[in-house]
Amino acid sequence: MKFVVMMLIGMLLYAASKWAIYRLSVMAILLYFAELRMELPDAQTIQKYRIKVVKKIVGIKEC
């Protein structure tokens, strides 16, 4: 039982660290855009690229 709890705690810590790294990466990209005085993309453009990323991960080729 103790082993299972330790494994769950380890998995939780791993997931939390991955989330933190992801969050910091997104913030770094936004800061990069802001420092270069580049316009941030609108919500539709972000959604379009989210779909492209999911298709790439899943392995669906665009026509």
Protein backbone atom coordinates (compact mmCIF):
# COMPACT_ATOMS: atom_id res chain seq x y z
CA MET A 1 0.00 0.00 0.00
CA LYS A 2 2.83 2.39 0.87
CA PHE A 3 4.45 1.70 -2.51
CA VAL A 4 1.25 2.64 -4.36
CA VAL A 5 0.98 5.93 -2.44
CA MET A 6 4.62 6.75 -3.21
CA MET A 7 4.05 5.99 -6.91
CA LEU A 8 0.96 8.23 -6.97
CA ILE A 9 2.85 11.05 -5.28
CA GLY A 10 5.69 10.65 -7.77
CA MET A 11 3.30 10.75 -10.72
CA LEU A 12 1.61 13.84 -9.28
CA LEU A 13 4.95 15.62 -8.88
CA TYR A 14 5.93 14.68 -12.43
CA ALA A 15 2.63 15.98 -13.84
CA ALA A 16 2.90 19.20 -11.84
CA SER A 17 6.44 19.82 -13.08
CA LYS A 18 5.40 19.21 -16.70
CA TRP A 19 2.50 21.65 -16.28
CA ALA A 20 4.82 24.28 -14.78
CA ILE A 21 7.32 23.94 -17.63
CA TYR A 22 4.51 24.21 -20.19
CA ARG A 23 3.12 27.30 -18.45
CA LEU A 24 6.56 28.95 -18.30
CA SER A 25 7.14 28.19 -21.98
CA VAL A 26 3.89 29.85 -22.99
CA MET A 27 4.69 32.88 -20.84
CA ALA A 28 8.18 33.09 -22.38
CA ILE A 29 6.73 33.09 -25.90
CA LEU A 30 4.26 35.83 -24.98
CA LEU A 31 7.04 37.90 -23.41
CA TYR A 32 9.16 37.43 -26.54
CA PHE A 33 6.33 38.77 -28.69
CA ALA A 34 5.79 41.70 -26.31
CA GLU A 35 9.47 42.66 -26.18
CA LEU A 36 9.70 42.68 -29.97
CA ARG A 37 6.51 44.76 -30.08
CA MET A 38 4.92 42.13 -32.29
CA GLU A 39 1.17 41.86 -32.36
CA LEU A 40 -0.18 38.80 -30.60
CA PRO A 41 -2.35 36.51 -32.72
CA ASP A 42 -6.11 36.68 -32.34
CA ALA A 43 -8.22 33.84 -30.91
CA GLN A 44 -9.13 32.42 -34.35
CA THR A 45 -5.47 32.16 -35.39
CA ILE A 46 -4.58 30.45 -32.12
CA GLN A 47 -7.44 27.97 -32.60
CA LYS A 48 -6.30 27.28 -36.17
CA TYR A 49 -2.80 26.42 -34.98
CA ARG A 50 -4.11 24.34 -32.06
CA ILE A 51 -5.96 22.19 -34.60
CA LYS A 52 -2.83 21.93 -36.75
CA VAL A 53 -0.77 20.78 -33.75
CA VAL A 54 -3.35 18.16 -32.74
CA LYS A 55 -3.49 16.85 -36.31
CA LYS A 56 0.30 16.64 -36.40
CA ILE A 57 0.42 14.77 -33.08
CA VAL A 58 -2.33 12.35 -34.14
CA GLY A 59 -0.71 11.89 -37.54
CA ILE A 60 -3.46 13.30 -39.76
CA LYS A 61 -2.01 14.86 -42.90
CA GLU A 62 -3.48 18.08 -44.20
CA CYS A 63 -4.66 18.18 -47.79
